[in-house]
Amino acid sequence: MKMTSRIAAWALVIAFCTSARSLANGGPENFEAVAVDLVVARPCWLVATVVGTGLFIVSLPVAAMSKSVNKTARTLVAKPAQATFTRPLGDFSTLE
């Protein structure tokens, strides 16, 4: 069991280390960029979308009183969802 968690940890370390190099090469056709996007970035953005949705629901009364529902929804839900579902695989140039 400990060996499996060590292997998973090392795989994540390698993925994070290669992501900077793959982004520097540019171009969505880069294998490392597509692999890191598929294995690391998309699941993280999916979690951000779910957590952002929960935070949006909690903050909705305050956002409604301050008339900033659209801005709050865009920031907490729409941007992470767009990065998860509509961005081309391996293309990090559209992220802000």
C-alpha atoms as a PDB file:
ATOM      1  CA  MET A   1       0.000   0.000   0.000  1.00  0.00           C
ATOM      2  CA  LYS A   2       2.810   2.412   0.825  1.00  0.00           C
ATOM      3  CA  MET A   3       4.553   1.592  -2.451  1.00  0.00           C
ATOM      4  CA  THR A   4       1.435   2.470  -4.456  1.00  0.00           C
ATOM      5  CA  SER A   5       1.106   5.867  -2.794  1.00  0.00           C
ATOM      6  CA  ARG A   6       4.802   6.569  -3.362  1.00  0.00           C
ATOM      7  CA  ILE A   7       4.490   5.716  -7.035  1.00  0.00           C
ATOM      8  CA  ALA A   8       1.428   7.960  -7.352  1.00  0.00           C
ATOM      9  CA  ALA A   9       3.235  10.797  -5.577  1.00  0.00           C
ATOM     10  CA  TRP A  10       6.244  10.501  -7.868  1.00  0.00           C
ATOM     11  CA  ALA A  11       3.985  10.418 -10.928  1.00  0.00           C
ATOM     12  CA  LEU A  12       2.402  13.700  -9.820  1.00  0.00           C
ATOM     13  CA  VAL A  13       5.809  15.253  -9.167  1.00  0.00           C
ATOM     14  CA  ILE A  14       6.996  14.248 -12.629  1.00  0.00           C
ATOM     15  CA  ALA A  15       3.796  15.572 -14.198  1.00  0.00           C
ATOM     16  CA  PHE A  16       4.184  18.939 -12.477  1.00  0.00           C
ATOM     17  CA  CYS A  17       7.875  19.168 -13.368  1.00  0.00           C
ATOM     18  CA  THR A  18       7.267  18.492 -17.039  1.00  0.00           C
ATOM     19  CA  SER A  19       4.309  20.854 -17.304  1.00  0.00           C
ATOM     20  CA  ALA A  20       6.451  24.008 -17.191  1.00  0.00           C
ATOM     21  CA  ARG A  21       8.737  22.672 -19.902  1.00  0.00           C
ATOM     22  CA  SER A  22       5.839  21.602 -22.089  1.00  0.00           C
ATOM     23  CA  LEU A  23       4.153  24.977 -21.741  1.00  0.00           C
ATOM     24  CA  ALA A  24       7.371  26.719 -22.728  1.00  0.00           C
ATOM     25  CA  ASN A  25       7.490  24.778 -26.012  1.00  0.00           C
ATOM     26  CA  GLY A  26       4.087  26.156 -26.975  1.00  0.00           C
ATOM     27  CA  GLY A  27       1.508  24.553 -29.174  1.00  0.00           C
ATOM     28  CA  PRO A  28      -1.332  22.276 -28.158  1.00  0.00           C
ATOM     29  CA  GLU A  29       0.117  19.412 -30.227  1.00  0.00           C
ATOM     30  CA  ASN A  30       2.808  18.876 -27.609  1.00  0.00           C
ATOM     31  CA  PHE A  31       2.437  15.413 -26.020  1.00  0.00           C
ATOM     32  CA  GLU A  32       3.461  16.519 -22.535  1.00  0.00           C
ATOM     33  CA  ALA A  33       1.012  19.427 -22.545  1.00  0.00           C
ATOM     34  CA  VAL A  34      -1.859  17.176 -23.583  1.00  0.00           C
ATOM     35  CA  ALA A  35      -0.902  14.512 -21.023  1.00  0.00           C
ATOM     36  CA  VAL A  36      -0.567  16.999 -18.148  1.00  0.00           C
ATOM     37  CA  ASP A  37      -3.819  18.657 -19.143  1.00  0.00           C
ATOM     38  CA  LEU A  38      -5.649  15.335 -19.222  1.00  0.00           C
ATOM     39  CA  VAL A  39      -4.200  13.865 -16.029  1.00  0.00           C
ATOM     40  CA  VAL A  40      -3.630  16.908 -13.798  1.00  0.00           C
ATOM     41  CA  ALA A  41      -5.245  20.127 -15.039  1.00  0.00           C
ATOM     42  CA  ARG A  42      -8.715  18.914 -16.064  1.00  0.00           C
ATOM     43  CA  PRO A  43      -9.412  17.089 -12.782  1.00  0.00           C
ATOM     44  CA  CYS A  44      -8.215  20.150 -10.844  1.00  0.00           C
ATOM     45  CA  TRP A  45     -10.476  22.451 -12.871  1.00  0.00           C
ATOM     46  CA  LEU A  46     -13.375  20.049 -12.368  1.00  0.00           C
ATOM     47  CA  VAL A  47     -12.856  20.215  -8.593  1.00  0.00           C
ATOM     48  CA  ALA A  48     -12.620  24.011  -8.850  1.00  0.00           C
ATOM     49  CA  THR A  49     -15.925  24.055 -10.733  1.00  0.00           C
ATOM     50  CA  VAL A  50     -17.677  21.957  -8.084  1.00  0.00           C
ATOM     51  CA  VAL A  51     -16.208  23.938  -5.167  1.00  0.00           C
ATOM     52  CA  GLY A  52     -16.946  27.228  -6.939  1.00  0.00           C
ATOM     53  CA  THR A  53     -20.556  26.166  -7.449  1.00  0.00           C
ATOM     54  CA  GLY A  54     -20.877  25.458  -3.742  1.00  0.00           C
ATOM     55  CA  LEU A  55     -19.304  28.786  -2.847  1.00  0.00           C
ATOM     56  CA  PHE A  56     -21.595  30.550  -5.307  1.00  0.00           C
ATOM     57  CA  ILE A  57     -24.672  29.016  -3.682  1.00  0.00           C
ATOM     58  CA  VAL A  58     -23.446  30.073  -0.241  1.00  0.00           C
ATOM     59  CA  SER A  59     -22.592  33.599  -1.394  1.00  0.00           C
ATOM     60  CA  LEU A  60     -25.756  34.090  -3.461  1.00  0.00           C
ATOM     61  CA  PRO A  61     -27.691  36.102  -0.832  1.00  0.00           C
ATOM     62  CA  VAL A  62     -24.816  38.563  -0.396  1.00  0.00           C
ATOM     63  CA  ALA A  63     -24.244  38.779  -4.169  1.00  0.00           C
ATOM     64  CA  ALA A  64     -27.942  39.425  -4.720  1.00  0.00           C
ATOM     65  CA  MET A  65     -27.971  42.249  -2.175  1.00  0.00           C
ATOM     66  CA  SER A  66     -24.919  43.864  -3.769  1.00  0.00           C
ATOM     67  CA  LYS A  67     -26.262  43.249  -7.290  1.00  0.00           C
ATOM     68  CA  SER A  68     -23.156  41.322  -8.354  1.00  0.00           C
ATOM     69  CA  VAL A  69     -24.693  37.918  -9.106  1.00  0.00           C
ATOM     70  CA  ASN A  70     -23.407  37.833 -12.704  1.00  0.00           C
ATOM     71  CA  LYS A  71     -19.837  38.727 -11.739  1.00  0.00           C
ATOM     72  CA  THR A  72     -19.845  36.205  -8.890  1.00  0.00           C
ATOM     73  CA  ALA A  73     -21.264  33.445 -11.088  1.00  0.00           C
ATOM     74  CA  ARG A  74     -18.765  34.174 -13.841  1.00  0.00           C
ATOM     75  CA  THR A  75     -15.824  34.111 -11.434  1.00  0.00           C
ATOM     76  CA  LEU A  76     -16.769  31.108  -9.317  1.00  0.00           C
ATOM     77  CA  VAL A  77     -18.581  28.859 -11.822  1.00  0.00           C
ATOM     78  CA  ALA A  78     -18.295  29.895 -15.468  1.00  0.00           C
ATOM     79  CA  LYS A  79     -14.525  30.397 -15.763  1.00  0.00           C
ATOM     80  CA  PRO A  80     -13.563  27.077 -14.112  1.00  0.00           C
ATOM     81  CA  ALA A  81     -16.270  25.254 -16.093  1.00  0.00           C
ATOM     82  CA  GLN A  82     -15.027  26.809 -19.306  1.00  0.00           C
ATOM     83  CA  ALA A  83     -11.453  25.759 -18.503  1.00  0.00           C
ATOM     84  CA  THR A  84     -12.695  22.239 -17.788  1.00  0.00           C
ATOM     85  CA  PHE A  85     -15.108  21.560 -20.619  1.00  0.00           C
ATOM     86  CA  THR A  86     -14.636  23.920 -23.583  1.00  0.00           C
ATOM     87  CA  ARG A  87     -10.888  24.604 -23.711  1.00  0.00           C
ATOM     88  CA  PRO A  88      -8.970  22.565 -26.330  1.00  0.00           C
ATOM     89  CA  LEU A  89      -6.963  19.726 -24.801  1.00  0.00           C
ATOM     90  CA  GLY A  90      -3.393  20.804 -24.082  1.00  0.00           C
ATOM     91  CA  ASP A  91      -4.035  24.491 -24.806  1.00  0.00           C
ATOM     92  CA  PHE A  92      -3.130  26.561 -21.753  1.00  0.00           C
ATOM     93  CA  SER A  93      -2.961  29.880 -23.614  1.00  0.00           C
ATOM     94  CA  THR A  94      -6.654  30.669 -23.030  1.00  0.00           C
ATOM     95  CA  LEU A  95      -6.343  30.524 -19.231  1.00  0.00           C
ATOM     96  CA  GLU A  96      -6.044  33.854 -17.459  1.00  0.00           C
END
